[in-house]
Amino acid sequence: MNTNTNILTDDFGRHHSYLRISLTEKCNLRCTYCMPENGVPLTPKEHIMTADEILKIASVFVKHGVTKIRLTGGEPLVRKDFSEILKQLSALNIKLSITTNAVIVDRFIDDFKQYGLQDVNVSLDSLQAEKFTFITRRDQFKKAYDNIILLLEEGFNVKMNVVLIKGFNDDEIIDFIKFTKHLPIAIRFIEFMPFDGNNWNKEKLVTQAEILEQAHSHFDEDEIISLENEKNYTSRNYQIKGYKGVFGIISSVSNPFCDSCNRIRLTANGNIKNCLFSNQETNLLTAYRQGENIEPLIANLIQKKYAVRAGMRDFESLNNPENHTNNRSMITIGG
């Protein structure tokens, strides 16, 4: 049993300094891997954290060592008080970042600059408009693409998240890598992960090994540079010699990075999750509204965190629907 008294340090010595806050369950896209085809029942508004509650709960995490906060959704920019939330959180003296689909990001460029948000992760799963429309169920490719270019032109640090699904967009891996030739962008290939309602099975999985096999079949061996992993990395990164940008692989399924995990998630309705794969949650919002000390609740869930992927160590357990249909849909977790 870990004797460290910091409430954000688990039994395996991992200190959780990175908080991802979902601001809303709503989204202006309907990505198939994120949201079930028939949608999800939304939490009533009165059970969603207010801007002030987000600040106060986040402040508890910062008090105990959180140094980075990422705003997620749904789509965080559809929340009407987004700018006020960003303003309040900017006073916490932490690094702010956001994950967005970029469709309306042009409306918030000035807010990002004013409140010190420089790191923007954007989701774009295809460079082909028709495929984009199919996977998102919305015809917004041009808007998203143009806004990604705008973010780069405005000097933001941009990472593009690409969820790979076999038979759908795995034929675009090389195109995405070539996208980094003239642009200072980081492409991140993400293995398709199991969540409620997204019809996951391992046949749809494009693994880290398969991604690298494609890269090595197209580029010469000495052209692919393996970059040093960042502390608490999620992405194993590479660069093609002479290219401005980089590409990386987030291999949560085939080659997880759980031993260095420093992330904890706070859902829009005030629940914390200690692992993306876990269905264990603790509600902080109700306790906070009742005037209770939420620190013991945080500590308790952190201590329950498994060493690897919520206890699912192999494909057999991952491929068992009972192990992930009790989890939320990705739309209600936050990216």
Protein backbone atom coordinates (compact mmCIF):
# COMPACT_ATOMS: atom_id res chain seq x y z
CA MET A 1 0.00 0.00 0.00
CA ASN A 2 1.39 3.40 -0.95
CA THR A 3 2.03 5.54 2.12
CA ASN A 4 2.39 8.80 0.21
CA THR A 5 -0.14 11.21 1.66
CA ASN A 6 -0.67 13.17 -1.56
CA ILE A 7 -4.23 12.42 -2.62
CA LEU A 8 -3.25 12.33 -6.31
CA THR A 9 -0.56 9.64 -5.92
CA ASP A 10 -1.73 6.06 -6.39
CA ASP A 11 -0.49 2.73 -5.02
CA PHE A 12 1.95 2.41 -7.93
CA GLY A 13 3.64 5.75 -7.24
CA ARG A 14 2.02 7.54 -10.17
CA HIS A 15 1.30 11.19 -9.39
CA HIS A 16 -1.64 12.60 -11.31
CA SER A 17 -0.68 16.12 -12.38
CA TYR A 18 -2.87 16.30 -15.50
CA LEU A 19 -6.62 16.93 -15.19
CA ARG A 20 -8.92 16.63 -18.19
CA ILE A 21 -12.23 18.43 -17.67
CA SER A 22 -15.23 17.71 -19.87
CA LEU A 23 -17.30 20.89 -20.13
CA THR A 24 -20.29 19.40 -21.92
CA GLU A 25 -21.75 16.17 -23.26
CA LYS A 26 -23.04 18.00 -26.35
CA CYS A 27 -21.26 18.06 -29.70
CA ASN A 28 -21.82 19.53 -33.15
CA LEU A 29 -20.51 16.32 -34.78
CA ARG A 30 -21.63 12.69 -34.38
CA CYS A 31 -18.45 10.63 -34.75
CA THR A 32 -19.24 6.93 -34.91
CA TYR A 33 -16.44 5.82 -32.56
CA CYS A 34 -17.46 8.41 -29.98
CA MET A 35 -21.27 8.50 -30.00
CA PRO A 36 -23.74 5.64 -30.52
CA GLU A 37 -25.83 6.00 -33.70
CA ASN A 38 -28.99 6.77 -31.72
CA GLY A 39 -27.22 9.37 -29.57
CA VAL A 40 -26.91 9.37 -25.80
CA PRO A 41 -29.27 10.52 -23.06
CA LEU A 42 -27.92 13.86 -21.92
CA THR A 43 -27.50 14.70 -18.26
CA PRO A 44 -30.10 17.31 -17.18
CA LYS A 45 -28.61 20.81 -17.07
CA GLU A 46 -29.04 21.11 -13.31
CA HIS A 47 -26.64 18.19 -12.86
CA ILE A 48 -23.92 19.70 -15.07
CA MET A 49 -21.13 21.66 -13.38
CA THR A 50 -21.46 25.43 -13.55
CA ALA A 51 -18.50 27.63 -14.44
CA ASP A 52 -17.93 28.46 -10.77
CA GLU A 53 -18.15 24.80 -9.76
CA ILE A 54 -15.62 23.84 -12.42
CA LEU A 55 -13.23 26.45 -11.02
CA LYS A 56 -13.68 25.45 -7.38
CA ILE A 57 -13.34 21.71 -8.02
CA ALA A 58 -10.37 22.23 -10.34
CA SER A 59 -8.74 24.36 -7.64
CA VAL A 60 -8.72 21.36 -5.30
CA PHE A 61 -6.75 19.35 -7.85
CA VAL A 62 -4.34 22.23 -8.44
CA LYS A 63 -3.81 22.53 -4.68
CA HIS A 64 -2.55 18.93 -4.67
CA GLY A 65 -0.24 19.19 -7.66
CA VAL A 66 -2.15 19.37 -10.94
CA THR A 67 -0.11 21.53 -13.30
CA LYS A 68 -2.01 21.02 -16.56
CA ILE A 69 -5.71 21.17 -17.39
CA ARG A 70 -7.17 20.13 -20.74
CA LEU A 71 -10.70 21.20 -21.65
CA THR A 72 -12.70 18.58 -23.54
CA GLY A 73 -16.29 17.68 -24.33
CA GLY A 74 -18.35 16.60 -26.21
CA GLU A 75 -17.20 19.67 -28.05
CA PRO A 76 -16.11 22.20 -25.39
CA LEU A 77 -16.59 25.22 -27.64
CA VAL A 78 -20.36 24.68 -27.95
CA ARG A 79 -20.77 25.54 -24.27
CA LYS A 80 -22.16 29.10 -24.15
CA ASP A 81 -20.02 30.16 -21.18
CA PHE A 82 -16.81 28.66 -22.53
CA SER A 83 -14.96 31.98 -22.58
CA GLU A 84 -15.88 32.68 -18.95
CA ILE A 85 -14.69 29.20 -17.91
CA LEU A 86 -11.41 29.73 -19.75
CA LYS A 87 -10.96 33.13 -18.11
CA GLN A 88 -11.51 31.74 -14.62
CA LEU A 89 -9.23 28.74 -15.07
CA SER A 90 -6.47 30.94 -16.48
CA ALA A 91 -6.10 32.45 -12.98
CA LEU A 92 -4.96 29.08 -11.56
CA ASN A 93 -1.41 29.45 -12.91
CA ILE A 94 -1.46 26.11 -14.73
CA LYS A 95 -0.93 25.09 -18.34
CA LEU A 96 -4.19 25.19 -20.27
CA SER A 97 -4.98 23.17 -23.38
CA ILE A 98 -8.04 22.04 -25.31
CA THR A 99 -9.30 19.20 -27.48
CA THR A 100 -11.73 20.34 -30.18
CA ASN A 101 -13.10 19.27 -33.55
CA ALA A 102 -12.11 22.75 -34.81
CA VAL A 103 -15.42 23.42 -36.57
CA ILE A 104 -16.03 26.71 -34.70
CA VAL A 105 -12.56 27.32 -33.30
CA ASP A 106 -12.11 30.49 -35.38
CA ARG A 107 -14.59 32.24 -33.06
CA PHE A 108 -12.29 31.72 -30.06
CA ILE A 109 -8.80 32.53 -31.36
CA ASP A 110 -8.69 35.83 -29.47
CA ASP A 111 -9.87 34.18 -26.24
CA PHE A 112 -7.17 31.52 -26.54
CA LYS A 113 -4.53 34.21 -26.91
CA GLN A 114 -5.89 36.42 -24.14
CA TYR A 115 -6.01 33.63 -21.57
CA GLY A 116 -2.78 31.84 -22.49
CA LEU A 117 -4.10 28.71 -24.17
CA GLN A 118 -1.46 27.67 -26.71
CA ASP A 119 -1.87 23.90 -27.05
CA VAL A 120 -4.76 22.79 -29.26
CA ASN A 121 -5.55 19.19 -30.10
CA VAL A 122 -7.90 18.82 -33.05
CA SER A 123 -9.74 15.70 -34.19
CA LEU A 124 -9.67 14.96 -37.92
CA ASP A 125 -9.96 11.31 -38.95
CA SER A 126 -9.72 11.72 -42.70
CA LEU A 127 -8.21 14.11 -45.23
CA GLN A 128 -11.05 13.21 -47.60
CA ALA A 129 -14.27 15.21 -47.32
CA GLU A 130 -16.57 12.25 -48.07
CA LYS A 131 -14.97 10.05 -45.44
CA PHE A 132 -15.08 12.89 -42.93
CA THR A 133 -18.80 13.29 -43.54
CA PHE A 134 -19.34 9.54 -43.15
CA ILE A 135 -17.47 9.21 -39.85
CA THR A 136 -18.83 12.43 -38.30
CA ARG A 137 -22.33 12.24 -39.85
CA ARG A 138 -21.91 15.97 -40.62
CA ASP A 139 -20.68 17.89 -43.71
CA GLN A 140 -18.13 20.12 -41.99
CA PHE A 141 -14.80 19.03 -43.47
CA LYS A 142 -13.85 22.32 -45.11
CA LYS A 143 -14.61 24.31 -41.98
CA ALA A 144 -12.58 21.99 -39.76
CA TYR A 145 -9.67 21.80 -42.20
CA ASP A 146 -9.52 25.56 -42.75
CA ASN A 147 -9.55 26.19 -39.02
CA ILE A 148 -6.66 23.79 -38.48
CA ILE A 149 -4.63 25.77 -40.97
CA LEU A 150 -5.75 28.99 -39.24
CA LEU A 151 -4.53 27.73 -35.87
CA LEU A 152 -1.12 26.95 -37.39
CA GLU A 153 -0.95 30.36 -39.04
CA GLU A 154 -1.78 32.01 -35.72
CA GLY A 155 1.13 30.25 -34.04
CA PHE A 156 -0.67 27.68 -31.88
CA ASN A 157 0.87 24.31 -31.02
CA VAL A 158 -1.41 21.97 -32.93
CA LYS A 159 -1.75 18.20 -32.63
CA MET A 160 -4.14 16.39 -34.96
CA ASN A 161 -5.78 13.29 -33.48
CA VAL A 162 -6.59 10.56 -36.01
CA VAL A 163 -8.56 7.53 -34.78
CA LEU A 164 -7.63 4.69 -37.11
CA ILE A 165 -10.24 2.10 -38.06
CA LYS A 166 -9.24 -0.79 -40.30
CA GLY A 167 -10.93 -0.72 -43.67
CA PHE A 168 -11.96 2.90 -43.25
CA ASN A 169 -9.01 5.26 -42.98
CA ASP A 170 -5.94 3.05 -42.55
CA ASP A 171 -5.21 3.65 -46.25
CA GLU A 172 -4.56 7.31 -45.38
CA ILE A 173 -1.69 6.73 -42.94
CA ILE A 174 0.97 7.80 -45.45
CA ASP A 175 -1.12 10.79 -46.56
CA PHE A 176 -1.31 11.97 -42.94
CA ILE A 177 2.44 11.54 -42.48
CA LYS A 178 3.06 13.53 -45.67
CA PHE A 179 0.78 16.24 -44.24
CA THR A 180 3.64 17.01 -41.82
CA LYS A 181 6.11 17.79 -44.62
CA HIS A 182 5.44 21.51 -44.89
CA LEU A 183 3.39 22.16 -41.73
CA PRO A 184 4.63 22.32 -38.11
CA ILE A 185 1.91 19.97 -36.91
CA ALA A 186 1.96 16.76 -34.88
CA ILE A 187 -0.19 13.97 -36.32
CA ARG A 188 -1.18 11.41 -33.67
CA PHE A 189 -2.58 8.07 -34.80
CA ILE A 190 -4.86 6.69 -32.09
CA GLU A 191 -5.78 3.03 -31.83
CA PHE A 192 -9.55 2.42 -31.91
CA MET A 193 -10.62 1.86 -28.29
CA PRO A 194 -13.70 0.09 -26.87
CA PHE A 195 -16.53 2.20 -25.45
CA ASP A 196 -20.24 1.70 -25.01
CA GLY A 197 -22.09 1.81 -28.33
CA ASN A 198 -19.13 2.04 -30.74
CA ASN A 199 -19.19 -1.63 -31.88
CA TRP A 200 -15.55 -2.19 -31.05
CA ASN A 201 -13.77 -5.40 -31.93
CA LYS A 202 -10.12 -6.17 -32.48
CA GLU A 203 -10.62 -6.73 -36.23
CA LYS A 204 -11.12 -2.96 -36.56
CA LEU A 205 -7.90 -2.24 -34.71
CA VAL A 206 -4.89 -0.78 -36.53
CA THR A 207 -1.99 -1.44 -34.21
CA GLN A 208 1.23 0.46 -33.61
CA ALA A 209 3.11 -2.31 -35.43
CA GLU A 210 0.87 -2.02 -38.50
CA ILE A 211 1.24 1.77 -38.61
CA LEU A 212 5.04 1.53 -38.47
CA GLU A 213 5.00 -1.25 -41.09
CA GLN A 214 3.25 1.11 -43.51
CA ALA A 215 5.69 3.91 -42.71
CA HIS A 216 8.70 1.66 -43.27
CA SER A 217 7.28 0.32 -46.52
CA HIS A 218 7.00 3.84 -47.93
CA PHE A 219 9.99 5.68 -46.46
CA ASP A 220 13.62 4.60 -46.38
CA GLU A 221 14.91 3.32 -43.05
CA ASP A 222 17.19 6.31 -42.51
CA GLU A 223 14.36 8.76 -43.24
CA ILE A 224 12.29 7.76 -40.17
CA ILE A 225 13.68 9.35 -37.03
CA SER A 226 12.54 8.00 -33.66
CA LEU A 227 12.12 10.91 -31.24
CA GLU A 228 12.70 10.83 -27.51
CA ASN A 229 9.51 10.18 -25.52
CA GLU A 230 8.21 13.01 -23.36
CA LYS A 231 7.75 12.53 -19.63
CA ASN A 232 4.36 10.88 -18.97
CA TYR A 233 4.07 10.32 -22.71
CA THR A 234 1.01 8.94 -24.43
CA SER A 235 2.40 9.17 -27.95
CA ARG A 236 5.52 7.47 -29.30
CA ASN A 237 6.78 10.05 -31.77
CA TYR A 238 8.62 9.97 -35.10
CA GLN A 239 9.69 12.42 -37.77
CA ILE A 240 10.52 12.07 -41.43
CA LYS A 241 13.90 13.61 -42.14
CA GLY A 242 13.47 17.13 -43.49
CA TYR A 243 9.79 17.40 -42.54
CA LYS A 244 8.57 20.34 -40.42
CA GLY A 245 6.08 18.31 -38.42
CA VAL A 246 6.08 14.97 -36.63
CA PHE A 247 3.82 11.94 -36.28
CA GLY A 248 3.12 9.76 -33.29
CA ILE A 249 1.19 6.68 -32.22
CA ILE A 250 -1.07 6.42 -29.19
CA SER A 251 -1.23 2.67 -28.67
CA SER A 252 -3.61 2.36 -25.73
CA VAL A 253 -4.71 -1.10 -26.85
CA SER A 254 -1.71 -2.92 -28.33
CA ASN A 255 1.12 -1.30 -26.38
CA PRO A 256 -0.21 0.71 -23.41
CA PHE A 257 1.76 3.34 -21.50
CA CYS A 258 -0.01 2.92 -18.17
CA ASP A 259 3.15 2.83 -16.06
CA SER A 260 3.69 6.54 -16.64
CA CYS A 261 0.04 7.65 -16.61
CA ASN A 262 -0.54 10.97 -14.83
CA ARG A 263 -4.08 11.68 -16.05
CA ILE A 264 -7.41 11.87 -14.28
CA ARG A 265 -10.74 12.83 -15.87
CA LEU A 266 -13.57 14.99 -14.55
CA THR A 267 -16.83 14.54 -16.47
CA ALA A 268 -19.28 17.32 -17.21
CA ASN A 269 -21.64 16.04 -14.51
CA GLY A 270 -18.90 16.12 -11.90
CA ASN A 271 -17.72 12.51 -11.80
CA ILE A 272 -14.05 11.60 -11.71
CA LYS A 273 -12.63 8.62 -13.61
CA ASN A 274 -9.19 7.28 -12.81
CA CYS A 275 -8.79 5.55 -16.19
CA LEU A 276 -10.32 5.97 -19.62
CA PHE A 277 -11.07 2.24 -19.75
CA SER A 278 -12.60 2.04 -16.27
CA ASN A 279 -16.30 2.11 -15.41
CA GLN A 280 -15.48 3.12 -11.83
CA GLU A 281 -16.55 6.69 -11.11
CA THR A 282 -16.96 8.90 -8.05
CA ASN A 283 -19.33 11.84 -8.04
CA LEU A 284 -17.70 14.99 -6.68
CA LEU A 285 -20.38 17.48 -7.68
CA THR A 286 -23.08 16.27 -5.31
CA ALA A 287 -20.64 16.17 -2.41
CA TYR A 288 -19.35 19.64 -3.27
CA ARG A 289 -22.87 21.07 -3.43
CA GLN A 290 -23.60 19.58 -0.02
CA GLY A 291 -20.58 21.30 1.45
CA GLU A 292 -18.58 18.09 1.93
CA ASN A 293 -14.81 17.79 1.67
CA ILE A 294 -14.16 16.17 -1.74
CA GLU A 295 -10.49 15.40 -1.07
CA PRO A 296 -11.15 11.95 0.51
CA LEU A 297 -13.34 11.02 -2.47
CA ILE A 298 -10.55 11.92 -4.87
CA ALA A 299 -7.94 10.03 -2.85
CA ASN A 300 -10.13 6.93 -2.64
CA LEU A 301 -10.65 6.66 -6.40
CA ILE A 302 -6.99 7.35 -7.15
CA GLN A 303 -6.05 4.47 -4.83
CA LYS A 304 -8.39 2.13 -6.74
CA LYS A 305 -6.59 2.69 -10.04
CA TYR A 306 -5.30 -0.50 -11.66
CA ALA A 307 -1.75 -0.89 -12.92
CA VAL A 308 -2.92 -1.41 -16.52
CA ARG A 309 -6.09 -0.44 -18.46
CA ALA A 310 -8.61 -0.85 -15.63
CA GLY A 311 -7.38 -4.42 -15.13
CA MET A 312 -7.81 -5.47 -18.77
CA ARG A 313 -4.35 -6.78 -19.55
CA ASP A 314 -4.95 -8.70 -22.78
CA PHE A 315 -7.02 -8.81 -25.98
CA GLU A 316 -9.31 -11.45 -24.54
CA SER A 317 -10.48 -9.20 -21.73
CA LEU A 318 -10.65 -6.17 -24.04
CA ASN A 319 -12.71 -8.13 -26.55
CA ASN A 320 -15.26 -9.12 -23.90
CA PRO A 321 -18.18 -6.66 -24.30
CA GLU A 322 -19.07 -7.03 -20.63
CA ASN A 323 -15.83 -5.25 -19.75
CA HIS A 324 -16.57 -2.05 -21.65
CA THR A 325 -20.31 -1.77 -22.32
CA ASN A 326 -20.69 -0.74 -18.69
CA ASN A 327 -18.36 2.16 -19.39
CA ARG A 328 -19.64 5.45 -20.75
CA SER A 329 -19.73 6.38 -24.40
CA MET A 330 -16.69 8.48 -25.27
CA ILE A 331 -18.91 11.54 -25.83
CA THR A 332 -19.80 11.61 -22.13
CA ILE A 333 -16.28 10.92 -20.86
CA GLY A 334 -14.33 13.63 -22.59
CA GLY A 335 -11.44 13.14 -25.01
